[in-house]
Amino acid sequence: MARAVRLRQLAASDVERASEYYRQEAGEQTALDFIDAVEHAIARMRRRPQVGSLRFAYDLAIPDLRALPVQRFPYVVFYVVTDEEIDVWRILHTRRDVPANIAQPET
């Protein structure tokens, strides 16, 4: 059964900034392709919430933090699965300093 997805404000801002960058640097179609790829990653998470790697949960000592790469783009979706939903914290470029940019978000 697919779970609801909650996209935190920081994650939504991450997608907006990245899609705007792609629109300016590579064109409208690339920006749309990026958004489609993020939506595809989220759909995968809804079907199989445990699909993301726990590597960062161990590295950052944040229990249950999962990371799922966005196909065809150098971005990773960071999320936590709860009993009620999939809580998407951030969608970060792979070259970003993850420890500096990820922390338990405000509710």
Protein backbone atom coordinates (compact mmCIF):
# COMPACT_ATOMS: atom_id res chain seq x y z
CA MET A 1 0.00 0.00 0.00
CA ALA A 2 1.39 3.40 -1.00
CA ARG A 3 2.02 5.92 1.77
CA ALA A 4 1.42 9.63 1.73
CA VAL A 5 4.46 11.81 1.07
CA ARG A 6 5.13 14.99 3.02
CA LEU A 7 7.54 17.34 1.28
CA ARG A 8 9.13 19.69 3.81
CA GLN A 9 9.52 23.35 2.84
CA LEU A 10 13.30 22.95 2.52
CA ALA A 11 12.83 20.04 0.11
CA ALA A 12 10.34 22.01 -1.98
CA SER A 13 12.79 24.92 -2.07
CA ASP A 14 15.57 22.54 -3.13
CA VAL A 15 13.48 21.39 -6.11
CA GLU A 16 12.55 24.96 -7.05
CA ARG A 17 16.17 26.16 -6.97
CA ALA A 18 17.46 23.17 -8.94
CA SER A 19 14.74 23.35 -11.58
CA GLU A 20 15.35 27.08 -12.02
CA TYR A 21 19.06 26.44 -12.40
CA TYR A 22 18.40 23.78 -15.05
CA ARG A 23 15.94 26.06 -16.84
CA GLN A 24 18.49 28.87 -17.04
CA GLU A 25 21.52 26.75 -17.84
CA ALA A 26 20.12 23.90 -19.96
CA GLY A 27 16.64 24.93 -21.02
CA GLU A 28 13.02 24.36 -20.17
CA GLN A 29 12.97 20.68 -21.16
CA THR A 30 15.87 19.80 -18.85
CA ALA A 31 14.12 21.56 -15.97
CA LEU A 32 10.96 19.57 -16.68
CA ASP A 33 12.98 16.36 -16.95
CA PHE A 34 14.48 17.08 -13.53
CA ILE A 35 11.04 17.57 -11.97
CA ASP A 36 9.84 14.34 -13.62
CA ALA A 37 12.86 12.48 -12.22
CA VAL A 38 12.15 13.78 -8.70
CA GLU A 39 8.49 12.75 -9.04
CA HIS A 40 9.61 9.30 -10.21
CA ALA A 41 11.87 8.92 -7.16
CA ILE A 42 9.01 9.91 -4.87
CA ALA A 43 6.68 7.44 -6.60
CA ARG A 44 9.27 4.69 -6.01
CA MET A 45 9.43 5.64 -2.33
CA ARG A 46 5.64 5.50 -2.05
CA ARG A 47 5.56 1.96 -3.43
CA ARG A 48 8.61 0.73 -1.52
CA PRO A 49 9.40 3.07 1.38
CA GLN A 50 12.48 1.10 2.45
CA VAL A 51 14.16 1.46 -0.99
CA GLY A 52 16.54 4.23 0.11
CA SER A 53 19.97 3.58 1.60
CA LEU A 54 20.54 3.99 5.35
CA ARG A 55 24.16 5.05 4.86
CA PHE A 56 23.59 8.63 5.97
CA ALA A 57 21.55 7.47 8.98
CA TYR A 58 24.73 5.82 10.24
CA ASP A 59 27.11 8.55 9.08
CA LEU A 60 25.06 11.37 10.62
CA ALA A 61 23.57 9.48 13.58
CA ILE A 62 20.04 10.34 12.42
CA PRO A 63 17.96 7.19 12.94
CA ASP A 64 16.01 5.98 9.89
CA LEU A 65 17.27 8.70 7.52
CA ARG A 66 17.19 7.23 4.02
CA ALA A 67 18.73 8.48 0.79
CA LEU A 68 17.45 7.73 -2.71
CA PRO A 69 19.29 8.99 -5.81
CA VAL A 70 17.33 10.87 -8.44
CA GLN A 71 17.84 9.03 -11.72
CA ARG A 72 19.78 10.89 -14.47
CA PHE A 73 20.52 13.85 -12.18
CA PRO A 74 23.15 14.36 -9.46
CA TYR A 75 20.59 14.75 -6.66
CA VAL A 76 19.58 12.65 -3.67
CA VAL A 77 16.23 12.61 -1.85
CA PHE A 78 16.65 12.43 1.94
CA TYR A 79 13.65 11.11 3.82
CA VAL A 80 12.36 9.32 6.91
CA VAL A 81 9.60 6.72 6.88
CA THR A 82 7.08 6.97 9.70
CA ASP A 83 4.00 4.90 10.43
CA GLU A 84 1.82 7.55 8.80
CA GLU A 85 3.90 8.96 5.94
CA ILE A 86 7.14 9.41 4.06
CA ASP A 87 8.69 12.63 5.36
CA VAL A 88 10.98 14.18 2.71
CA TRP A 89 13.54 16.42 4.41
CA ARG A 90 15.81 17.62 1.58
CA ILE A 91 16.65 17.03 -2.08
CA LEU A 92 20.34 17.88 -2.36
CA HIS A 93 22.96 17.91 -5.09
CA THR A 94 25.53 15.15 -4.57
CA ARG A 95 28.32 17.73 -4.30
CA ARG A 96 26.66 19.54 -1.42
CA ASP A 97 28.06 19.08 2.06
CA VAL A 98 25.35 16.75 3.32
CA PRO A 99 26.23 16.94 7.05
CA ALA A 100 26.16 20.75 6.90
CA ASN A 101 22.86 20.80 5.01
CA ILE A 102 20.86 18.08 6.68
CA ALA A 103 19.49 18.21 10.16
CA GLN A 104 16.25 17.24 11.80
CA PRO A 105 13.80 19.72 10.27
CA GLU A 106 11.24 21.72 12.17
CA THR A 107 7.83 20.09 12.17
